[in-house]
PDB file of N, CA and C in Angstrom:
ATOM      1  N   UNK A   1     -17.431  10.181   4.606  1.00  0.00           N
ATOM      2  CA  UNK A   1     -18.292   8.988   4.168  1.00  0.00           C
ATOM      3  C   UNK A   1     -19.061   9.621   5.028  1.00  0.00           C
ATOM      4  N   UNK A   2     -19.777   9.552   5.962  1.00  0.00           N
ATOM      5  CA  UNK A   2     -21.199  10.309   5.987  1.00  0.00           C
ATOM      6  C   UNK A   2     -21.669  11.105   5.373  1.00  0.00           C
ATOM      7  N   UNK A   3     -20.993  12.028   4.669  1.00  0.00           N
ATOM      8  CA  UNK A   3     -21.217  13.355   3.617  1.00  0.00           C
ATOM      9  C   UNK A   3     -21.907  12.769   2.652  1.00  0.00           C
ATOM     10  N   UNK A   4     -20.706  11.858   2.207  1.00  0.00           N
ATOM     11  CA  UNK A   4     -20.874  11.117   0.849  1.00  0.00           C
ATOM     12  C   UNK A   4     -22.706  10.422   0.848  1.00  0.00           C
ATOM     13  N   UNK A   5     -22.747   9.842   2.241  1.00  0.00           N
ATOM     14  CA  UNK A   5     -24.174   9.031   1.732  1.00  0.00           C
ATOM     15  C   UNK A   5     -25.036  10.076   1.846  1.00  0.00           C
ATOM     16  N   UNK A   6     -25.245  11.004   2.794  1.00  0.00           N
ATOM     17  CA  UNK A   6     -26.165  11.682   2.600  1.00  0.00           C
ATOM     18  C   UNK A   6     -26.249  12.617   1.298  1.00  0.00           C
ATOM     19  N   UNK A   7     -25.394  12.670   0.737  1.00  0.00           N
ATOM     20  CA  UNK A   7     -25.189  13.218  -0.807  1.00  0.00           C
ATOM     21  C   UNK A   7     -25.884  12.213  -1.451  1.00  0.00           C
ATOM     22  N   UNK A   8     -25.645  10.924  -1.458  1.00  0.00           N
ATOM     23  CA  UNK A   8     -26.229   9.993  -2.622  1.00  0.00           C
ATOM     24  C   UNK A   8     -27.825  10.129  -1.842  1.00  0.00           C
ATOM     25  N   UNK A   9     -28.103   9.980  -0.710  1.00  0.00           N
ATOM     26  CA  UNK A   9     -29.407   9.552  -0.275  1.00  0.00           C
ATOM     27  C   UNK A   9     -30.654  11.013  -0.455  1.00  0.00           C
ATOM     28  N   UNK A  10     -30.403  12.089  -0.465  1.00  0.00           N
ATOM     29  CA  UNK A  10     -30.381  13.237  -1.413  1.00  0.00           C
ATOM     30  C   UNK A  10     -30.421  13.287  -2.345  1.00  0.00           C
ATOM     31  N   UNK A  11     -29.725  12.704  -3.041  1.00  0.00           N
ATOM     32  CA  UNK A  11     -30.032  12.687  -4.752  1.00  0.00           C
ATOM     33  C   UNK A  11     -30.887  11.581  -5.081  1.00  0.00           C
ATOM     34  N   UNK A  12     -31.256  10.468  -4.735  1.00  0.00           N
ATOM     35  CA  UNK A  12     -31.607   9.574  -5.009  1.00  0.00           C
ATOM     36  C   UNK A  12     -33.443   9.795  -4.649  1.00  0.00           C
ATOM     37  N   UNK A  13     -33.403  10.435  -3.395  1.00  0.00           N
ATOM     38  CA  UNK A  13     -34.894  11.084  -3.565  1.00  0.00           C
ATOM     39  C   UNK A  13     -34.980  12.119  -3.637  1.00  0.00           C
ATOM     40  N   UNK A  14     -34.459  13.162  -4.817  1.00  0.00           N
ATOM     41  CA  UNK A  14     -34.922  14.480  -5.350  1.00  0.00           C
ATOM     42  C   UNK A  14     -35.157  13.837  -6.577  1.00  0.00           C
ATOM     43  N   UNK A  15     -34.646  12.381  -7.695  1.00  0.00           N
ATOM     44  CA  UNK A  15     -34.652  12.201  -9.015  1.00  0.00           C
ATOM     45  C   UNK A  15     -36.300  11.027  -8.314  1.00  0.00           C
ATOM     46  N   UNK A  16     -36.153  10.763  -7.564  1.00  0.00           N
ATOM     47  CA  UNK A  16     -37.273   9.829  -7.558  1.00  0.00           C
ATOM     48  C   UNK A  16     -38.874  10.358  -6.738  1.00  0.00           C
ATOM     49  N   UNK A  17     -38.510  11.884  -6.450  1.00  0.00           N
ATOM     50  CA  UNK A  17     -39.714  13.078  -6.320  1.00  0.00           C
ATOM     51  C   UNK A  17     -40.686  12.943  -7.342  1.00  0.00           C
ATOM     52  N   UNK A  18     -40.127  13.698  -8.267  1.00  0.00           N
ATOM     53  CA  UNK A  18     -40.464  14.038  -9.542  1.00  0.00           C
ATOM     54  C   UNK A  18     -41.690  12.956 -10.351  1.00  0.00           C
ATOM     55  N   UNK A  19     -40.847  12.259  -9.633  1.00  0.00           N
ATOM     56  CA  UNK A  19     -41.554  10.422 -10.764  1.00  0.00           C
ATOM     57  C   UNK A  19     -42.720  10.547 -10.345  1.00  0.00           C
ATOM     58  N   UNK A  20     -42.993  10.910  -9.000  1.00  0.00           N
ATOM     59  CA  UNK A  20     -44.056  10.834  -8.698  1.00  0.00           C
ATOM     60  C   UNK A  20     -45.522  11.694  -8.470  1.00  0.00           C
ATOM     61  N   UNK A  21     -44.866  13.159  -9.205  1.00  0.00           N
ATOM     62  CA  UNK A  21     -45.877  13.789  -9.486  1.00  0.00           C
ATOM     63  C   UNK A  21     -46.648  13.953 -10.829  1.00  0.00           C
ATOM     64  N   UNK A  22     -46.813  12.555 -11.099  1.00  0.00           N
ATOM     65  CA  UNK A  22     -47.880  12.604 -12.433  1.00  0.00           C
ATOM     66  C   UNK A  22     -48.370  11.678 -12.514  1.00  0.00           C
ATOM     67  N   UNK A  23     -48.561  10.757 -11.405  1.00  0.00           N
ATOM     68  CA  UNK A  23     -48.866   9.294 -11.082  1.00  0.00           C
ATOM     69  C   UNK A  23     -50.791   9.994 -10.303  1.00  0.00           C
ATOM     70  N   UNK A  24     -50.756  10.857  -9.769  1.00  0.00           N
ATOM     71  CA  UNK A  24     -52.110  11.624  -9.299  1.00  0.00           C
ATOM     72  C   UNK A  24     -52.759  11.526 -10.478  1.00  0.00           C
ATOM     73  N   UNK A  25     -52.196  12.203 -11.683  1.00  0.00           N
ATOM     74  CA  UNK A  25     -53.043  12.827 -12.922  1.00  0.00           C
ATOM     75  C   UNK A  25     -53.425  11.571 -13.725  1.00  0.00           C
ATOM     76  N   UNK A  26     -52.489  10.114 -13.808  1.00  0.00           N
ATOM     77  CA  UNK A  26     -52.899   9.309 -14.351  1.00  0.00           C
ATOM     78  C   UNK A  26     -53.854   8.559 -13.786  1.00  0.00           C
ATOM     79  N   UNK A  27     -53.821   8.843 -12.561  1.00  0.00           N
ATOM     80  CA  UNK A  27     -54.969   8.115 -11.323  1.00  0.00           C
ATOM     81  C   UNK A  27     -56.559   9.030 -11.368  1.00  0.00           C
ATOM     82  N   UNK A  28     -56.236  10.060 -11.752  1.00  0.00           N
ATOM     83  CA  UNK A  28     -57.509  10.799 -12.308  1.00  0.00           C
ATOM     84  C   UNK A  28     -57.963   9.776 -13.762  1.00  0.00           C
ATOM     85  N   UNK A  29     -57.663   9.977 -14.713  1.00  0.00           N
ATOM     86  CA  UNK A  29     -57.598   9.632 -15.965  1.00  0.00           C
ATOM     87  C   UNK A  29     -58.143   8.089 -15.854  1.00  0.00           C
ATOM     88  N   UNK A  30     -57.407   7.301 -15.120  1.00  0.00           N
ATOM     89  CA  UNK A  30     -58.376   5.625 -15.180  1.00  0.00           C
ATOM     90  C   UNK A  30     -59.410   6.312 -13.955  1.00  0.00           C
ATOM     91  N   UNK A  31     -59.891   7.110 -13.373  1.00  0.00           N
ATOM     92  CA  UNK A  31     -60.955   7.010 -12.621  1.00  0.00           C
ATOM     93  C   UNK A  31     -61.990   7.714 -13.513  1.00  0.00           C
ATOM     94  N   UNK A  32     -61.323   8.359 -14.527  1.00  0.00           N
ATOM     95  CA  UNK A  32     -62.910   8.789 -14.998  1.00  0.00           C
ATOM     96  C   UNK A  32     -63.068   7.984 -16.106  1.00  0.00           C
ATOM     97  N   UNK A  33     -62.363   7.206 -16.338  1.00  0.00           N
ATOM     98  CA  UNK A  33     -62.241   6.240 -17.120  1.00  0.00           C
ATOM     99  C   UNK A  33     -63.166   5.040 -16.466  1.00  0.00           C
ATOM    100  N   UNK A  34     -63.043   4.489 -15.537  1.00  0.00           N
ATOM    101  CA  UNK A  34     -63.309   3.707 -14.917  1.00  0.00           C
ATOM    102  C   UNK A  34     -64.958   3.947 -14.901  1.00  0.00           C
ATOM    103  N   UNK A  35     -65.467   5.361 -14.763  1.00  0.00           N
ATOM    104  CA  UNK A  35     -66.804   5.881 -13.778  1.00  0.00           C
ATOM    105  C   UNK A  35     -67.535   5.773 -15.865  1.00  0.00           C
ATOM    106  N   UNK A  36     -66.931   5.958 -16.491  1.00  0.00           N
ATOM    107  CA  UNK A  36     -67.370   5.765 -18.019  1.00  0.00           C
ATOM    108  C   UNK A  36     -67.766   4.835 -18.110  1.00  0.00           C
ATOM    109  N   UNK A  37     -67.212   3.935 -17.930  1.00  0.00           N
ATOM    110  CA  UNK A  37     -67.706   2.889 -18.420  1.00  0.00           C
ATOM    111  C   UNK A  37     -68.651   1.879 -17.400  1.00  0.00           C
ATOM    112  N   UNK A  38     -68.251   2.022 -16.903  1.00  0.00           N
ATOM    113  CA  UNK A  38     -69.702   2.120 -15.926  1.00  0.00           C
ATOM    114  C   UNK A  38     -70.743   2.630 -16.213  1.00  0.00           C
ATOM    115  N   UNK A  39     -70.651   3.843 -16.912  1.00  0.00           N
ATOM    116  CA  UNK A  39     -72.459   4.322 -17.369  1.00  0.00           C
ATOM    117  C   UNK A  39     -72.087   3.450 -19.031  1.00  0.00           C
ATOM    118  N   UNK A  40     -71.389   3.192 -19.679  1.00  0.00           N
ATOM    119  CA  UNK A  40     -71.640   3.031 -20.839  1.00  0.00           C
ATOM    120  C   UNK A  40     -71.578   1.152 -21.130  1.00  0.00           C
ATOM    121  N   UNK A  41     -71.313   0.858 -20.093  1.00  0.00           N
ATOM    122  CA  UNK A  41     -71.738  -0.597 -19.930  1.00  0.00           C
ATOM    123  C   UNK A  41     -73.140  -1.478 -19.976  1.00  0.00           C
ATOM    124  N   UNK A  42     -73.537  -0.341 -19.895  1.00  0.00           N
ATOM    125  CA  UNK A  42     -75.241  -1.298 -20.139  1.00  0.00           C
ATOM    126  C   UNK A  42     -75.701  -0.479 -21.748  1.00  0.00           C
ATOM    127  N   UNK A  43     -74.932  -0.188 -22.350  1.00  0.00           N
ATOM    128  CA  UNK A  43     -75.163  -0.131 -23.792  1.00  0.00           C
ATOM    129  C   UNK A  43     -75.134  -1.707 -24.488  1.00  0.00           C
ATOM    130  N   UNK A  44     -75.275  -1.493 -25.934  1.00  0.00           N
ATOM    131  CA  UNK A  44     -75.434  -2.785 -26.423  1.00  0.00           C
ATOM    132  C   UNK A  44     -73.922  -2.779 -27.575  1.00  0.00           C
ATOM    133  N   UNK A  45     -73.209  -1.799 -27.364  1.00  0.00           N
ATOM    134  CA  UNK A  45     -71.814  -2.171 -27.820  1.00  0.00           C
ATOM    135  C   UNK A  45     -70.951  -3.328 -27.335  1.00  0.00           C
ATOM    136  N   UNK A  46     -70.095  -3.841 -27.789  1.00  0.00           N
ATOM    137  CA  UNK A  46     -69.354  -4.776 -27.150  1.00  0.00           C
ATOM    138  C   UNK A  46     -68.137  -3.804 -26.221  1.00  0.00           C
ATOM    139  N   UNK A  47     -67.970  -4.775 -25.652  1.00  0.00           N
ATOM    140  CA  UNK A  47     -66.912  -4.700 -24.621  1.00  0.00           C
ATOM    141  C   UNK A  47     -65.967  -4.056 -24.955  1.00  0.00           C
ATOM    142  N   UNK A  48     -64.981  -4.221 -25.729  1.00  0.00           N
ATOM    143  CA  UNK A  48     -63.756  -3.815 -26.098  1.00  0.00           C
ATOM    144  C   UNK A  48     -64.209  -2.535 -26.778  1.00  0.00           C
ATOM    145  N   UNK A  49     -65.498  -2.415 -27.221  1.00  0.00           N
ATOM    146  CA  UNK A  49     -66.299  -0.467 -27.958  1.00  0.00           C
ATOM    147  C   UNK A  49     -66.297   0.381 -26.836  1.00  0.00           C
ATOM    148  N   UNK A  50     -66.751  -0.356 -25.466  1.00  0.00           N
ATOM    149  CA  UNK A  50     -67.132   0.336 -24.522  1.00  0.00           C
ATOM    150  C   UNK A  50     -66.212   1.154 -23.945  1.00  0.00           C
ATOM    151  N   UNK A  51     -65.076   0.490 -24.031  1.00  0.00           N
ATOM    152  CA  UNK A  51     -63.640   0.523 -23.292  1.00  0.00           C
ATOM    153  C   UNK A  51     -63.308   1.342 -23.816  1.00  0.00           C
ATOM    154  N   UNK A  52     -63.596   1.579 -25.110  1.00  0.00           N
ATOM    155  CA  UNK A  52     -62.273   2.622 -25.772  1.00  0.00           C
ATOM    156  C   UNK A  52     -62.974   3.419 -25.823  1.00  0.00           C
ATOM    157  N   UNK A  53     -64.567   3.702 -25.792  1.00  0.00           N
ATOM    158  CA  UNK A  53     -65.716   5.198 -25.344  1.00  0.00           C
ATOM    159  C   UNK A  53     -65.350   5.412 -24.484  1.00  0.00           C
ATOM    160  N   UNK A  54     -65.059   4.925 -23.569  1.00  0.00           N
ATOM    161  CA  UNK A  54     -64.871   5.301 -21.817  1.00  0.00           C
ATOM    162  C   UNK A  54     -63.296   5.788 -21.983  1.00  0.00           C
ATOM    163  N   UNK A  55     -62.622   5.517 -22.646  1.00  0.00           N
ATOM    164  CA  UNK A  55     -61.463   5.857 -22.712  1.00  0.00           C
ATOM    165  C   UNK A  55     -61.144   7.683 -23.317  1.00  0.00           C
ATOM    166  N   UNK A  56     -61.853   7.636 -24.524  1.00  0.00           N
ATOM    167  CA  UNK A  56     -62.030   8.780 -25.249  1.00  0.00           C
ATOM    168  C   UNK A  56     -62.666   9.260 -24.465  1.00  0.00           C
ATOM    169  N   UNK A  57     -63.805   9.482 -23.879  1.00  0.00           N
ATOM    170  CA  UNK A  57     -64.565  10.265 -23.175  1.00  0.00           C
ATOM    171  C   UNK A  57     -63.977  11.169 -21.743  1.00  0.00           C
ATOM    172  N   UNK A  58     -62.392  10.745 -21.777  1.00  0.00           N
ATOM    173  CA  UNK A  58     -61.621  11.229 -20.560  1.00  0.00           C
ATOM    174  C   UNK A  58     -60.652  11.935 -20.912  1.00  0.00           C
ATOM    175  N   UNK A  59     -60.988  12.820 -22.532  1.00  0.00           N
ATOM    176  CA  UNK A  59     -59.908  13.175 -23.058  1.00  0.00           C
ATOM    177  C   UNK A  59     -58.880  14.445 -22.238  1.00  0.00           C
ATOM    178  N   UNK A  60     -59.880  14.874 -21.349  1.00  0.00           N
ATOM    179  CA  UNK A  60     -59.348  15.764 -20.938  1.00  0.00           C
ATOM    180  C   UNK A  60     -58.172  15.563 -19.693  1.00  0.00           C
ATOM    181  N   UNK A  61     -58.643  14.718 -19.516  1.00  0.00           N
ATOM    182  CA  UNK A  61     -57.778  13.941 -18.034  1.00  0.00           C
ATOM    183  C   UNK A  61     -56.910  13.570 -18.650  1.00  0.00           C
ATOM    184  N   UNK A  62     -56.673  12.596 -19.965  1.00  0.00           N
ATOM    185  CA  UNK A  62     -55.108  12.444 -20.625  1.00  0.00           C
ATOM    186  C   UNK A  62     -54.606  13.100 -21.119  1.00  0.00           C
ATOM    187  N   UNK A  63     -54.981  14.477 -21.044  1.00  0.00           N
ATOM    188  CA  UNK A  63     -54.625  15.353 -21.722  1.00  0.00           C
ATOM    189  C   UNK A  63     -53.355  16.017 -20.506  1.00  0.00           C
ATOM    190  N   UNK A  64     -53.952  15.973 -19.394  1.00  0.00           N
ATOM    191  CA  UNK A  64     -53.606  16.900 -18.325  1.00  0.00           C
ATOM    192  C   UNK A  64     -52.431  15.656 -17.561  1.00  0.00           C
ATOM    193  N   UNK A  65     -52.801  14.623 -17.622  1.00  0.00           N
ATOM    194  CA  UNK A  65     -51.375  13.462 -17.404  1.00  0.00           C
ATOM    195  C   UNK A  65     -50.707  12.939 -18.424  1.00  0.00           C
ATOM    196  N   UNK A  66     -50.630  13.254 -19.998  1.00  0.00           N
ATOM    197  CA  UNK A  66     -49.728  13.193 -20.589  1.00  0.00           C
ATOM    198  C   UNK A  66     -48.961  14.566 -20.651  1.00  0.00           C
ATOM    199  N   UNK A  67     -49.400  15.488 -20.378  1.00  0.00           N
ATOM    200  CA  UNK A  67     -48.404  16.705 -19.709  1.00  0.00           C
ATOM    201  C   UNK A  67     -47.414  16.718 -18.652  1.00  0.00           C
ATOM    202  N   UNK A  68     -48.178  16.160 -17.543  1.00  0.00           N
ATOM    203  CA  UNK A  68     -47.697  16.253 -16.168  1.00  0.00           C
ATOM    204  C   UNK A  68     -46.315  14.855 -16.924  1.00  0.00           C
ATOM    205  N   UNK A  69     -46.419  14.334 -17.306  1.00  0.00           N
ATOM    206  CA  UNK A  69     -45.426  13.148 -17.708  1.00  0.00           C
ATOM    207  C   UNK A  69     -44.197  14.175 -18.476  1.00  0.00           C
ATOM    208  N   UNK A  70     -44.989  14.305 -19.670  1.00  0.00           N
ATOM    209  CA  UNK A  70     -44.264  15.088 -20.121  1.00  0.00           C
ATOM    210  C   UNK A  70     -43.001  15.990 -19.675  1.00  0.00           C
ATOM    211  N   UNK A  71     -43.820  16.556 -18.621  1.00  0.00           N
ATOM    212  CA  UNK A  71     -42.918  17.855 -18.023  1.00  0.00           C
ATOM    213  C   UNK A  71     -41.870  17.309 -17.016  1.00  0.00           C
ATOM    214  N   UNK A  72     -42.053  16.093 -16.690  1.00  0.00           N
ATOM    215  CA  UNK A  72     -41.111  15.611 -15.752  1.00  0.00           C
ATOM    216  C   UNK A  72     -40.276  14.434 -16.338  1.00  0.00           C
ATOM    217  N   UNK A  73     -40.570  14.294 -17.643  1.00  0.00           N
ATOM    218  CA  UNK A  73     -39.835  12.822 -17.901  1.00  0.00           C
ATOM    219  C   UNK A  73     -39.605  12.773 -19.214  1.00  0.00           C
ATOM    220  N   UNK A  74     -40.251  14.133 -20.088  1.00  0.00           N
ATOM    221  CA  UNK A  74     -39.637  14.446 -21.456  1.00  0.00           C
ATOM    222  C   UNK A  74     -40.507  13.754 -22.297  1.00  0.00           C
ATOM    223  N   UNK A  75     -40.893  14.823 -23.207  1.00  0.00           N
ATOM    224  CA  UNK A  75     -41.849  14.596 -24.412  1.00  0.00           C
ATOM    225  C   UNK A  75     -41.512  12.754 -25.391  1.00  0.00           C
ATOM    226  N   UNK A  76     -40.606  12.347 -25.322  1.00  0.00           N
ATOM    227  CA  UNK A  76     -40.489  11.025 -26.111  1.00  0.00           C
ATOM    228  C   UNK A  76     -41.109  10.259 -25.166  1.00  0.00           C
ATOM    229  N   UNK A  77     -40.589  10.284 -23.780  1.00  0.00           N
ATOM    230  CA  UNK A  77     -41.010   9.224 -23.061  1.00  0.00           C
ATOM    231  C   UNK A  77     -42.811   9.655 -22.663  1.00  0.00           C
ATOM    232  N   UNK A  78     -43.216  10.722 -22.610  1.00  0.00           N
ATOM    233  CA  UNK A  78     -44.139  10.530 -22.336  1.00  0.00           C
ATOM    234  C   UNK A  78     -45.128  10.727 -23.098  1.00  0.00           C
ATOM    235  N   UNK A  79     -45.072  10.150 -24.661  1.00  0.00           N
ATOM    236  CA  UNK A  79     -46.086   9.829 -25.240  1.00  0.00           C
ATOM    237  C   UNK A  79     -45.957   8.318 -25.598  1.00  0.00           C
ATOM    238  N   UNK A  80     -44.536   8.020 -25.338  1.00  0.00           N
ATOM    239  CA  UNK A  80     -44.678   6.511 -25.374  1.00  0.00           C
ATOM    240  C   UNK A  80     -45.548   5.496 -24.117  1.00  0.00           C
ATOM    241  N   UNK A  81     -45.107   6.477 -23.114  1.00  0.00           N
ATOM    242  CA  UNK A  81     -45.630   6.072 -21.684  1.00  0.00           C
ATOM    243  C   UNK A  81     -47.022   6.070 -21.878  1.00  0.00           C
ATOM    244  N   UNK A  82     -47.881   7.528 -22.379  1.00  0.00           N
ATOM    245  CA  UNK A  82     -49.322   7.364 -22.376  1.00  0.00           C
ATOM    246  C   UNK A  82     -49.815   6.736 -23.632  1.00  0.00           C
ATOM    247  N   UNK A  83     -49.413   6.183 -24.705  1.00  0.00           N
ATOM    248  CA  UNK A  83     -49.865   5.165 -25.621  1.00  0.00           C
ATOM    249  C   UNK A  83     -49.930   3.809 -24.733  1.00  0.00           C
ATOM    250  N   UNK A  84     -48.678   3.480 -24.482  1.00  0.00           N
ATOM    251  CA  UNK A  84     -48.883   2.298 -23.669  1.00  0.00           C
ATOM    252  C   UNK A  84     -50.103   1.518 -22.988  1.00  0.00           C
ATOM    253  N   UNK A  85     -49.902   3.208 -21.726  1.00  0.00           N
ATOM    254  CA  UNK A  85     -50.782   2.854 -20.374  1.00  0.00           C
ATOM    255  C   UNK A  85     -52.235   3.400 -21.424  1.00  0.00           C
ATOM    256  N   UNK A  86     -52.538   3.022 -22.172  1.00  0.00           N
ATOM    257  CA  UNK A  86     -53.814   3.607 -23.068  1.00  0.00           C
ATOM    258  C   UNK A  86     -54.579   2.314 -23.443  1.00  0.00           C
ATOM    259  N   UNK A  87     -53.563   1.645 -24.145  1.00  0.00           N
ATOM    260  CA  UNK A  87     -53.321   0.374 -25.005  1.00  0.00           C
ATOM    261  C   UNK A  87     -53.599  -0.646 -23.636  1.00  0.00           C
ATOM    262  N   UNK A  88     -53.217  -0.656 -22.656  1.00  0.00           N
ATOM    263  CA  UNK A  88     -53.113  -2.016 -21.377  1.00  0.00           C
ATOM    264  C   UNK A  88     -54.409  -1.104 -21.026  1.00  0.00           C
ATOM    265  N   UNK A  89     -54.430  -0.039 -20.673  1.00  0.00           N
ATOM    266  CA  UNK A  89     -55.692   0.134 -19.860  1.00  0.00           C
ATOM    267  C   UNK A  89     -57.230   0.057 -20.401  1.00  0.00           C
ATOM    268  N   UNK A  90     -57.252  -0.201 -21.448  1.00  0.00           N
ATOM    269  CA  UNK A  90     -57.972   0.145 -22.769  1.00  0.00           C
ATOM    270  C   UNK A  90     -58.926  -2.049 -22.415  1.00  0.00           C
ATOM    271  N   UNK A  91     -57.619  -2.615 -22.747  1.00  0.00           N
ATOM    272  CA  UNK A  91     -57.997  -4.134 -22.547  1.00  0.00           C
ATOM    273  C   UNK A  91     -58.377  -4.167 -21.252  1.00  0.00           C
ATOM    274  N   UNK A  92     -57.912  -3.986 -20.234  1.00  0.00           N
ATOM    275  CA  UNK A  92     -58.357  -4.344 -18.690  1.00  0.00           C
ATOM    276  C   UNK A  92     -59.907  -3.937 -18.454  1.00  0.00           C
ATOM    277  N   UNK A  93     -59.688  -2.548 -18.932  1.00  0.00           N
ATOM    278  CA  UNK A  93     -61.187  -2.083 -19.133  1.00  0.00           C
ATOM    279  C   UNK A  93     -62.199  -2.772 -19.948  1.00  0.00           C
ATOM    280  N   UNK A  94     -62.178  -3.467 -20.925  1.00  0.00           N
ATOM    281  CA  UNK A  94     -62.538  -4.238 -21.847  1.00  0.00           C
ATOM    282  C   UNK A  94     -63.540  -5.592 -20.706  1.00  0.00           C
ATOM    283  N   UNK A  95     -62.231  -6.006 -19.880  1.00  0.00           N
ATOM    284  CA  UNK A  95     -62.464  -7.038 -19.326  1.00  0.00           C
ATOM    285  C   UNK A  95     -63.641  -6.628 -18.027  1.00  0.00           C
ATOM    286  N   UNK A  96     -63.122  -5.537 -17.542  1.00  0.00           N
ATOM    287  CA  UNK A  96     -63.856  -5.265 -16.515  1.00  0.00           C
ATOM    288  C   UNK A  96     -65.196  -5.096 -16.847  1.00  0.00           C
ATOM    289  N   UNK A  97     -65.811  -4.095 -18.013  1.00  0.00           N
ATOM    290  CA  UNK A  97     -66.959  -4.358 -18.652  1.00  0.00           C
ATOM    291  C   UNK A  97     -67.580  -5.475 -18.802  1.00  0.00           C
ATOM    292  N   UNK A  98     -66.845  -6.557 -19.016  1.00  0.00           N
ATOM    293  CA  UNK A  98     -67.436  -7.818 -19.236  1.00  0.00           C
ATOM    294  C   UNK A  98     -67.755  -8.752 -18.183  1.00  0.00           C
ATOM    295  N   UNK A  99     -66.857  -8.215 -16.947  1.00  0.00           N
ATOM    296  CA  UNK A  99     -67.282  -8.590 -15.947  1.00  0.00           C
ATOM    297  C   UNK A  99     -68.307  -8.326 -15.362  1.00  0.00           C
ATOM    298  N   UNK A 100     -68.539  -6.516 -15.732  1.00  0.00           N
ATOM    299  CA  UNK A 100     -69.978  -5.880 -14.962  1.00  0.00           C
ATOM    300  C   UNK A 100     -71.093  -6.598 -15.717  1.00  0.00           C
ATOM    301  N   UNK A 101     -70.915  -6.672 -17.120  1.00  0.00           N
ATOM    302  CA  UNK A 101     -72.079  -7.209 -17.225  1.00  0.00           C
ATOM    303  C   UNK A 101     -72.431  -9.009 -17.278  1.00  0.00           C
ATOM    304  N   UNK A 102     -71.345  -9.535 -16.513  1.00  0.00           N
ATOM    305  CA  UNK A 102     -71.755 -10.588 -15.979  1.00  0.00           C
ATOM    306  C   UNK A 102     -72.087 -10.521 -14.904  1.00  0.00           C
ATOM    307  N   UNK A 103     -71.914  -9.647 -14.075  1.00  0.00           N
ATOM    308  CA  UNK A 103     -72.275 -10.141 -12.461  1.00  0.00           C
ATOM    309  C   UNK A 103     -73.902  -9.281 -12.477  1.00  0.00           C
ATOM    310  N   UNK A 104     -73.899  -8.510 -13.498  1.00  0.00           N
ATOM    311  CA  UNK A 104     -75.062  -7.876 -13.572  1.00  0.00           C
ATOM    312  C   UNK A 104     -76.447  -8.736 -13.672  1.00  0.00           C
ATOM    313  N   UNK A 105     -76.194  -9.393 -14.840  1.00  0.00           N
ATOM    314  CA  UNK A 105     -77.134 -11.035 -15.597  1.00  0.00           C
ATOM    315  C   UNK A 105     -77.293 -11.701 -14.187  1.00  0.00           C
ATOM    316  N   UNK A 106     -75.979 -12.071 -13.312  1.00  0.00           N
ATOM    317  CA  UNK A 106     -76.390 -13.146 -12.505  1.00  0.00           C
ATOM    318  C   UNK A 106     -77.263 -12.111 -11.477  1.00  0.00           C
ATOM    319  N   UNK A 107     -77.179 -10.938 -10.901  1.00  0.00           N
ATOM    320  CA  UNK A 107     -78.455 -10.791 -10.067  1.00  0.00           C
ATOM    321  C   UNK A 107     -79.793 -10.318 -10.390  1.00  0.00           C
ATOM    322  N   UNK A 108     -80.449 -10.471 -11.830  1.00  0.00           N
ATOM    323  CA  UNK A 108     -81.120 -10.384 -12.432  1.00  0.00           C
ATOM    324  C   UNK A 108     -82.129 -11.911 -12.425  1.00  0.00           C
TER     325      UNK A 108
END
């Protein structure tokens, strides 16, 4: 019984560990987009345009994140995950840009 428990725990850990390998790549991509959004938020473009431009500015980081996910999870899941994550994150980044502009206007 103890051997079965150790085997089950080892299997769980071995399958959960690779899933964590691509998370740092996603965080680097998001950090790059955040930094770009801060720079671009001073432009006269709308917040959704600024967010999309910020996401596009981090193409290399997005590619690395996509490759990491595809390597661990497979091509179909990786492509769908990156596409969904990008849509979701661009929406969140749009809100962040609006808040940056609002708080920037309050300081004036």
